[in-house]
PDB file of N, CA and C in Angstrom:
ATOM      1  N   MET A   1     100.345 -45.284  55.960  1.00  0.00           N
ATOM      2  CA  MET A   1     100.222 -46.696  56.212  1.00  0.00           C
ATOM      3  C   MET A   1      99.618 -46.885  57.596  1.00  0.00           C
ATOM      4  N   LYS A   2      98.652 -47.752  57.673  1.00  0.00           N
ATOM      5  CA  LYS A   2      98.042 -48.080  58.954  1.00  0.00           C
ATOM      6  C   LYS A   2      98.261 -49.560  59.221  1.00  0.00           C
ATOM      7  N   VAL A   3      98.579 -49.830  60.474  1.00  0.00           N
ATOM      8  CA  VAL A   3      98.731 -51.217  60.899  1.00  0.00           C
ATOM      9  C   VAL A   3      97.826 -51.410  62.100  1.00  0.00           C
ATOM     10  N   ARG A   4      97.066 -52.430  62.059  1.00  0.00           N
ATOM     11  CA  ARG A   4      96.162 -52.712  63.168  1.00  0.00           C
ATOM     12  C   ARG A   4      96.437 -54.131  63.655  1.00  0.00           C
ATOM     13  N   VAL A   5      96.701 -54.219  64.960  1.00  0.00           N
ATOM     14  CA  VAL A   5      96.984 -55.524  65.561  1.00  0.00           C
ATOM     15  C   VAL A   5      95.956 -55.762  66.648  1.00  0.00           C
ATOM     16  N   GLU A   6      95.293 -56.863  66.603  1.00  0.00           N
ATOM     17  CA  GLU A   6      94.336 -57.240  67.641  1.00  0.00           C
ATOM     18  C   GLU A   6      94.869 -58.469  68.365  1.00  0.00           C
ATOM     19  N   VAL A   7      94.888 -58.362  69.669  1.00  0.00           N
ATOM     20  CA  VAL A   7      95.357 -59.474  70.493  1.00  0.00           C
ATOM     21  C   VAL A   7      94.215 -59.873  71.399  1.00  0.00           C
ATOM     22  N   GLU A   8      93.908 -61.126  71.404  1.00  0.00           N
ATOM     23  CA  GLU A   8      92.844 -61.627  72.258  1.00  0.00           C
ATOM     24  C   GLU A   8      93.469 -62.488  73.346  1.00  0.00           C
ATOM     25  N   CYS A   9      93.435 -61.957  74.574  1.00  0.00           N
ATOM     26  CA  CYS A   9      93.980 -62.706  75.700  1.00  0.00           C
ATOM     27  C   CYS A   9      93.337 -62.204  76.981  1.00  0.00           C
ATOM     28  N   THR A  10      93.503 -62.969  78.011  1.00  0.00           N
ATOM     29  CA  THR A  10      92.966 -62.580  79.311  1.00  0.00           C
ATOM     30  C   THR A  10      93.952 -61.610  79.973  1.00  0.00           C
ATOM     31  N   PRO A  11      93.504 -60.869  80.987  1.00  0.00           N
ATOM     32  CA  PRO A  11      94.434 -59.982  81.695  1.00  0.00           C
ATOM     33  C   PRO A  11      95.623 -60.741  82.298  1.00  0.00           C
ATOM     34  N   GLN A  12      95.377 -61.942  82.800  1.00  0.00           N
ATOM     35  CA  GLN A  12      96.470 -62.739  83.364  1.00  0.00           C
ATOM     36  C   GLN A  12      97.499 -63.089  82.280  1.00  0.00           C
ATOM     37  N   GLU A  13      97.028 -63.449  81.102  1.00  0.00           N
ATOM     38  CA  GLU A  13      97.943 -63.782  80.001  1.00  0.00           C
ATOM     39  C   GLU A  13      98.725 -62.551  79.556  1.00  0.00           C
ATOM     40  N   ALA A  14      98.076 -61.401  79.516  1.00  0.00           N
ATOM     41  CA  ALA A  14      98.757 -60.173  79.118  1.00  0.00           C
ATOM     42  C   ALA A  14      99.846 -59.802  80.125  1.00  0.00           C
ATOM     43  N   ARG A  15      99.535 -59.926  81.435  1.00  0.00           N
ATOM     44  CA  ARG A  15     100.550 -59.632  82.454  1.00  0.00           C
ATOM     45  C   ARG A  15     101.735 -60.583  82.337  1.00  0.00           C
ATOM     46  N   ALA A  16     101.458 -61.857  82.128  1.00  0.00           N
ATOM     47  CA  ALA A  16     102.545 -62.834  82.000  1.00  0.00           C
ATOM     48  C   ALA A  16     103.385 -62.530  80.756  1.00  0.00           C
ATOM     49  N   PHE A  17     102.751 -62.169  79.651  1.00  0.00           N
ATOM     50  CA  PHE A  17     103.466 -61.858  78.414  1.00  0.00           C
ATOM     51  C   PHE A  17     104.355 -60.635  78.582  1.00  0.00           C
ATOM     52  N   LEU A  18     103.870 -59.624  79.312  1.00  0.00           N
ATOM     53  CA  LEU A  18     104.640 -58.398  79.524  1.00  0.00           C
ATOM     54  C   LEU A  18     105.629 -58.507  80.683  1.00  0.00           C
ATOM     55  N   GLY A  19     105.630 -59.644  81.381  1.00  0.00           N
ATOM     56  CA  GLY A  19     106.588 -59.864  82.458  1.00  0.00           C
ATOM     57  C   GLY A  19     106.207 -59.214  83.770  1.00  0.00           C
ATOM     58  N   GLN A  20     104.958 -58.839  83.920  1.00  0.00           N
ATOM     59  CA  GLN A  20     104.525 -58.236  85.169  1.00  0.00           C
ATOM     60  C   GLN A  20     104.193 -59.325  86.185  1.00  0.00           C
ATOM     61  N   PRO A  21     104.421 -59.042  87.469  1.00  0.00           N
ATOM     62  CA  PRO A  21     104.167 -60.065  88.495  1.00  0.00           C
ATOM     63  C   PRO A  21     102.671 -60.297  88.710  1.00  0.00           C
ATOM     64  N   ASP A  22     102.356 -61.478  89.183  1.00  0.00           N
ATOM     65  CA  ASP A  22     100.971 -61.819  89.514  1.00  0.00           C
ATOM     66  C   ASP A  22     100.714 -61.337  90.942  1.00  0.00           C
ATOM     67  N   VAL A  23      99.871 -60.335  91.092  1.00  0.00           N
ATOM     68  CA  VAL A  23      99.610 -59.737  92.396  1.00  0.00           C
ATOM     69  C   VAL A  23      98.185 -60.002  92.870  1.00  0.00           C
ATOM     70  N   GLU A  24      97.535 -60.987  92.305  1.00  0.00           N
ATOM     71  CA  GLU A  24      96.149 -61.272  92.689  1.00  0.00           C
ATOM     72  C   GLU A  24      96.024 -61.625  94.160  1.00  0.00           C
ATOM     73  N   ALA A  25      96.929 -62.435  94.680  1.00  0.00           N
ATOM     74  CA  ALA A  25      96.864 -62.825  96.096  1.00  0.00           C
ATOM     75  C   ALA A  25      97.079 -61.608  97.000  1.00  0.00           C
ATOM     76  N   LEU A  26      98.039 -60.765  96.647  1.00  0.00           N
ATOM     77  CA  LEU A  26      98.300 -59.556  97.427  1.00  0.00           C
ATOM     78  C   LEU A  26      97.095 -58.621  97.371  1.00  0.00           C
ATOM     79  N   ASN A  27      96.520 -58.460  96.203  1.00  0.00           N
ATOM     80  CA  ASN A  27      95.346 -57.596  96.055  1.00  0.00           C
ATOM     81  C   ASN A  27      94.176 -58.128  96.888  1.00  0.00           C
ATOM     82  N   ALA A  28      93.952 -59.426  96.866  1.00  0.00           N
ATOM     83  CA  ALA A  28      92.861 -60.010  97.657  1.00  0.00           C
ATOM     84  C   ALA A  28      93.094 -59.767  99.146  1.00  0.00           C
ATOM     85  N   TRP A  29      94.339 -59.890  99.599  1.00  0.00           N
ATOM     86  CA  TRP A  29      94.668 -59.671 101.014  1.00  0.00           C
ATOM     87  C   TRP A  29      94.420 -58.214 101.395  1.00  0.00           C
ATOM     88  N   ILE A  30      94.855 -57.277 100.549  1.00  0.00           N
ATOM     89  CA  ILE A  30      94.673 -55.853 100.836  1.00  0.00           C
ATOM     90  C   ILE A  30      93.189 -55.509 100.902  1.00  0.00           C
ATOM     91  N   VAL A  31      92.414 -56.028  99.962  1.00  0.00           N
ATOM     92  CA  VAL A  31      90.974 -55.758  99.957  1.00  0.00           C
ATOM     93  C   VAL A  31      90.327 -56.308 101.223  1.00  0.00           C
ATOM     94  N   GLU A  32      90.739 -57.482 101.655  1.00  0.00           N
ATOM     95  CA  GLU A  32      90.181 -58.079 102.873  1.00  0.00           C
ATOM     96  C   GLU A  32      90.540 -57.253 104.103  1.00  0.00           C
ATOM     97  N   GLN A  33      91.780 -56.759 104.164  1.00  0.00           N
ATOM     98  CA  GLN A  33      92.200 -55.911 105.282  1.00  0.00           C
ATOM     99  C   GLN A  33      91.389 -54.615 105.308  1.00  0.00           C
ATOM    100  N   MET A  34      91.198 -54.017 104.157  1.00  0.00           N
ATOM    101  CA  MET A  34      90.422 -52.772 104.084  1.00  0.00           C
ATOM    102  C   MET A  34      88.969 -53.014 104.478  1.00  0.00           C
ATOM    103  N   ARG A  35      88.419 -54.133 104.060  1.00  0.00           N
ATOM    104  CA  ARG A  35      87.035 -54.466 104.411  1.00  0.00           C
ATOM    105  C   ARG A  35      86.907 -54.621 105.932  1.00  0.00           C
ATOM    106  N   GLY A  36      87.863 -55.299 106.549  1.00  0.00           N
ATOM    107  CA  GLY A  36      87.837 -55.485 108.000  1.00  0.00           C
ATOM    108  C   GLY A  36      87.927 -54.168 108.743  1.00  0.00           C
ATOM    109  N   ARG A  37      88.819 -53.283 108.301  1.00  0.00           N
ATOM    110  CA  ARG A  37      88.953 -51.977 108.958  1.00  0.00           C
ATOM    111  C   ARG A  37      87.700 -51.138 108.761  1.00  0.00           C
ATOM    112  N   PHE A  38      87.109 -51.212 107.579  1.00  0.00           N
ATOM    113  CA  PHE A  38      85.880 -50.471 107.321  1.00  0.00           C
ATOM    114  C   PHE A  38      84.772 -50.938 108.248  1.00  0.00           C
ATOM    115  N   GLU A  39      84.639 -52.258 108.408  1.00  0.00           N
ATOM    116  CA  GLU A  39      83.590 -52.790 109.275  1.00  0.00           C
ATOM    117  C   GLU A  39      83.825 -52.391 110.724  1.00  0.00           C
ATOM    118  N   GLN A  40      85.080 -52.363 111.170  1.00  0.00           N
ATOM    119  CA  GLN A  40      85.380 -51.942 112.533  1.00  0.00           C
ATOM    120  C   GLN A  40      85.017 -50.476 112.737  1.00  0.00           C
ATOM    121  N   ASN A  41      85.372 -49.644 111.784  1.00  0.00           N
ATOM    122  CA  ASN A  41      85.093 -48.215 111.912  1.00  0.00           C
ATOM    123  C   ASN A  41      83.618 -47.905 111.718  1.00  0.00           C
ATOM    124  N   LEU A  42      82.914 -48.762 111.020  1.00  0.00           N
ATOM    125  CA  LEU A  42      81.488 -48.562 110.823  1.00  0.00           C
ATOM    126  C   LEU A  42      80.756 -48.630 112.159  1.00  0.00           C
ATOM    127  N   GLU A  43      81.252 -49.449 113.064  1.00  0.00           N
ATOM    128  CA  GLU A  43      80.649 -49.549 114.394  1.00  0.00           C
ATOM    129  C   GLU A  43      80.721 -48.209 115.125  1.00  0.00           C
ATOM    130  N   LEU A  44      81.794 -47.440 114.896  1.00  0.00           N
ATOM    131  CA  LEU A  44      81.962 -46.160 115.580  1.00  0.00           C
ATOM    132  C   LEU A  44      81.004 -45.098 115.067  1.00  0.00           C
ATOM    133  N   LEU A  45      80.402 -45.318 113.906  1.00  0.00           N
ATOM    134  CA  LEU A  45      79.500 -44.328 113.328  1.00  0.00           C
ATOM    135  C   LEU A  45      78.039 -44.546 113.709  1.00  0.00           C
ATOM    136  N   LYS A  46      77.791 -45.559 114.503  1.00  0.00           N
ATOM    137  CA  LYS A  46      76.419 -45.773 114.969  1.00  0.00           C
ATOM    138  C   LYS A  46      76.032 -44.614 115.884  1.00  0.00           C
ATOM    139  N   PRO A  47      74.779 -44.185 115.831  1.00  0.00           N
ATOM    140  CA  PRO A  47      74.362 -43.041 116.657  1.00  0.00           C
ATOM    141  C   PRO A  47      74.662 -43.212 118.143  1.00  0.00           C
ATOM    142  N   GLU A  48      74.506 -44.431 118.661  1.00  0.00           N
ATOM    143  CA  GLU A  48      74.767 -44.648 120.091  1.00  0.00           C
ATOM    144  C   GLU A  48      76.236 -44.384 120.425  1.00  0.00           C
ATOM    145  N   GLU A  49      77.138 -44.856 119.542  1.00  0.00           N
ATOM    146  CA  GLU A  49      78.567 -44.656 119.776  1.00  0.00           C
ATOM    147  C   GLU A  49      78.934 -43.180 119.652  1.00  0.00           C
ATOM    148  N   LEU A  50      78.367 -42.503 118.670  1.00  0.00           N
ATOM    149  CA  LEU A  50      78.654 -41.078 118.511  1.00  0.00           C
ATOM    150  C   LEU A  50      78.223 -40.285 119.740  1.00  0.00           C
ATOM    151  N   MET A  51      77.021 -40.552 120.212  1.00  0.00           N
ATOM    152  CA  MET A  51      76.523 -39.829 121.380  1.00  0.00           C
ATOM    153  C   MET A  51      77.371 -40.121 122.613  1.00  0.00           C
ATOM    154  N   LYS A  52      77.777 -41.395 122.766  1.00  0.00           N
ATOM    155  CA  LYS A  52      78.609 -41.758 123.914  1.00  0.00           C
ATOM    156  C   LYS A  52      79.933 -40.982 123.876  1.00  0.00           C
ATOM    157  N   ASN A  53      80.549 -40.896 122.692  1.00  0.00           N
ATOM    158  CA  ASN A  53      81.808 -40.155 122.564  1.00  0.00           C
ATOM    159  C   ASN A  53      81.609 -38.671 122.796  1.00  0.00           C
ATOM    160  N   TRP A  54      80.547 -38.103 122.264  1.00  0.00           N
ATOM    161  CA  TRP A  54      80.307 -36.674 122.424  1.00  0.00           C
ATOM    162  C   TRP A  54      80.011 -36.318 123.878  1.00  0.00           C
ATOM    163  N   ILE A  55      79.234 -37.148 124.543  1.00  0.00           N
ATOM    164  CA  ILE A  55      78.892 -36.870 125.943  1.00  0.00           C
ATOM    165  C   ILE A  55      80.122 -37.003 126.826  1.00  0.00           C
ATOM    166  N   THR A  56      80.961 -38.010 126.538  1.00  0.00           N
ATOM    167  CA  THR A  56      82.167 -38.225 127.323  1.00  0.00           C
ATOM    168  C   THR A  56      83.072 -37.011 127.277  1.00  0.00           C
ATOM    169  N   PHE A  57      83.182 -36.388 126.098  1.00  0.00           N
ATOM    170  CA  PHE A  57      84.086 -35.255 125.945  1.00  0.00           C
ATOM    171  C   PHE A  57      83.376 -33.911 126.065  1.00  0.00           C
ATOM    172  N   GLY A  58      82.126 -33.902 126.486  1.00  0.00           N
ATOM    173  CA  GLY A  58      81.305 -32.696 126.547  1.00  0.00           C
ATOM    174  C   GLY A  58      82.009 -31.442 126.980  1.00  0.00           C
ATOM    175  N   GLY A  59      82.108 -31.187 128.269  1.00  0.00           N
ATOM    176  CA  GLY A  59      82.706 -29.956 128.780  1.00  0.00           C
ATOM    177  C   GLY A  59      84.187 -29.873 128.500  1.00  0.00           C
ATOM    178  N   GLN A  60      84.866 -30.982 128.586  1.00  0.00           N
ATOM    179  CA  GLN A  60      86.300 -31.012 128.352  1.00  0.00           C
ATOM    180  C   GLN A  60      86.615 -30.609 126.914  1.00  0.00           C
ATOM    181  N   ALA A  61      85.857 -31.116 125.961  1.00  0.00           N
ATOM    182  CA  ALA A  61      86.096 -30.793 124.552  1.00  0.00           C
ATOM    183  C   ALA A  61      85.827 -29.315 124.289  1.00  0.00           C
ATOM    184  N   GLN A  62      84.791 -28.769 124.907  1.00  0.00           N
ATOM    185  CA  GLN A  62      84.493 -27.354 124.707  1.00  0.00           C
ATOM    186  C   GLN A  62      85.624 -26.483 125.241  1.00  0.00           C
ATOM    187  N   GLU A  63      86.154 -26.837 126.396  1.00  0.00           N
ATOM    188  CA  GLU A  63      87.246 -26.068 126.985  1.00  0.00           C
ATOM    189  C   GLU A  63      88.501 -26.153 126.124  1.00  0.00           C
ATOM    190  N   GLN A  64      88.812 -27.329 125.608  1.00  0.00           N
ATOM    191  CA  GLN A  64      89.972 -27.490 124.733  1.00  0.00           C
ATOM    192  C   GLN A  64      89.785 -26.706 123.440  1.00  0.00           C
ATOM    193  N   PHE A  65      88.588 -26.708 122.894  1.00  0.00           N
ATOM    194  CA  PHE A  65      88.313 -25.969 121.672  1.00  0.00           C
ATOM    195  C   PHE A  65      88.469 -24.468 121.917  1.00  0.00           C
ATOM    196  N   ARG A  66      87.991 -23.979 123.066  1.00  0.00           N
ATOM    197  CA  ARG A  66      88.139 -22.573 123.399  1.00  0.00           C
ATOM    198  C   ARG A  66      89.615 -22.208 123.504  1.00  0.00           C
ATOM    199  N   ARG A  67      90.410 -23.065 124.173  1.00  0.00           N
ATOM    200  CA  ARG A  67      91.852 -22.820 124.293  1.00  0.00           C
ATOM    201  C   ARG A  67      92.520 -22.810 122.927  1.00  0.00           C
ATOM    202  N   PHE A  68      92.074 -23.711 122.052  1.00  0.00           N
ATOM    203  CA  PHE A  68      92.610 -23.774 120.696  1.00  0.00           C
ATOM    204  C   PHE A  68      92.334 -22.453 119.959  1.00  0.00           C
ATOM    205  N   LEU A  69      91.112 -21.952 120.073  1.00  0.00           N
ATOM    206  CA  LEU A  69      90.768 -20.691 119.414  1.00  0.00           C
ATOM    207  C   LEU A  69      91.546 -19.528 120.006  1.00  0.00           C
ATOM    208  N   ASP A  70      91.721 -19.541 121.323  1.00  0.00           N
ATOM    209  CA  ASP A  70      92.509 -18.484 121.971  1.00  0.00           C
ATOM    210  C   ASP A  70      93.949 -18.501 121.453  1.00  0.00           C
ATOM    211  N   ALA A  71      94.512 -19.687 121.360  1.00  0.00           N
ATOM    212  CA  ALA A  71      95.893 -19.808 120.876  1.00  0.00           C
ATOM    213  C   ALA A  71      95.992 -19.383 119.412  1.00  0.00           C
ATOM    214  N   ALA A  72      94.988 -19.742 118.614  1.00  0.00           N
ATOM    215  CA  ALA A  72      94.993 -19.363 117.196  1.00  0.00           C
ATOM    216  C   ALA A  72      94.870 -17.865 117.029  1.00  0.00           C
ATOM    217  N   ALA A  73      94.139 -17.215 117.937  1.00  0.00           N
ATOM    218  CA  ALA A  73      93.969 -15.759 117.861  1.00  0.00           C
ATOM    219  C   ALA A  73      95.150 -15.040 118.477  1.00  0.00           C
ATOM    220  N   GLY A  74      96.110 -15.748 118.966  1.00  0.00           N
ATOM    221  CA  GLY A  74      97.288 -15.126 119.566  1.00  0.00           C
ATOM    222  C   GLY A  74      97.023 -14.526 120.915  1.00  0.00           C
ATOM    223  N   GLY A  75      96.028 -15.065 121.622  1.00  0.00           N
ATOM    224  CA  GLY A  75      95.718 -14.573 122.955  1.00  0.00           C
ATOM    225  C   GLY A  75      94.939 -13.280 122.944  1.00  0.00           C
ATOM    226  N   VAL A  76      94.439 -12.891 121.772  1.00  0.00           N
ATOM    227  CA  VAL A  76      93.666 -11.661 121.680  1.00  0.00           C
ATOM    228  C   VAL A  76      92.310 -11.878 122.335  1.00  0.00           C
ATOM    229  N   GLN A  77      91.955 -10.976 123.227  1.00  0.00           N
ATOM    230  CA  GLN A  77      90.682 -11.057 123.910  1.00  0.00           C
ATOM    231  C   GLN A  77      89.622 -10.310 123.109  1.00  0.00           C
ATOM    232  N   PRO A  78      88.399 -10.855 123.016  1.00  0.00           N
ATOM    233  CA  PRO A  78      87.349 -10.146 122.292  1.00  0.00           C
ATOM    234  C   PRO A  78      86.992  -8.849 123.004  1.00  0.00           C
ATOM    235  N   PRO A  79      86.524  -7.846 122.252  1.00  0.00           N
ATOM    236  CA  PRO A  79      86.142  -6.573 122.893  1.00  0.00           C
ATOM    237  C   PRO A  79      84.945  -6.753 123.796  1.00  0.00           C
ATOM    238  N   LYS A  80      84.916  -5.986 124.883  1.00  0.00           N
ATOM    239  CA  LYS A  80      83.807  -6.100 125.842  1.00  0.00           C
ATOM    240  C   LYS A  80      82.805  -5.009 125.617  1.00  0.00           C
TER     241      LYS A  80
END
């Protein structure tokens, strides 16, 4: 035996019928917050900003990276 039921309704009507909450306002707010954060972070990816950050940390970043590698190697010195 086969039974086929077709229901024609909108997503909002289906959620209301199944007792699920209406989260459209919350979803719109979350999307807007994410869009704002994306736009803010997009500014940091401009070539001028990247170069400014890299130049600022130039020698200092290299020294920290070297110390990090030394610590990861357990203080082992490379052969001379």
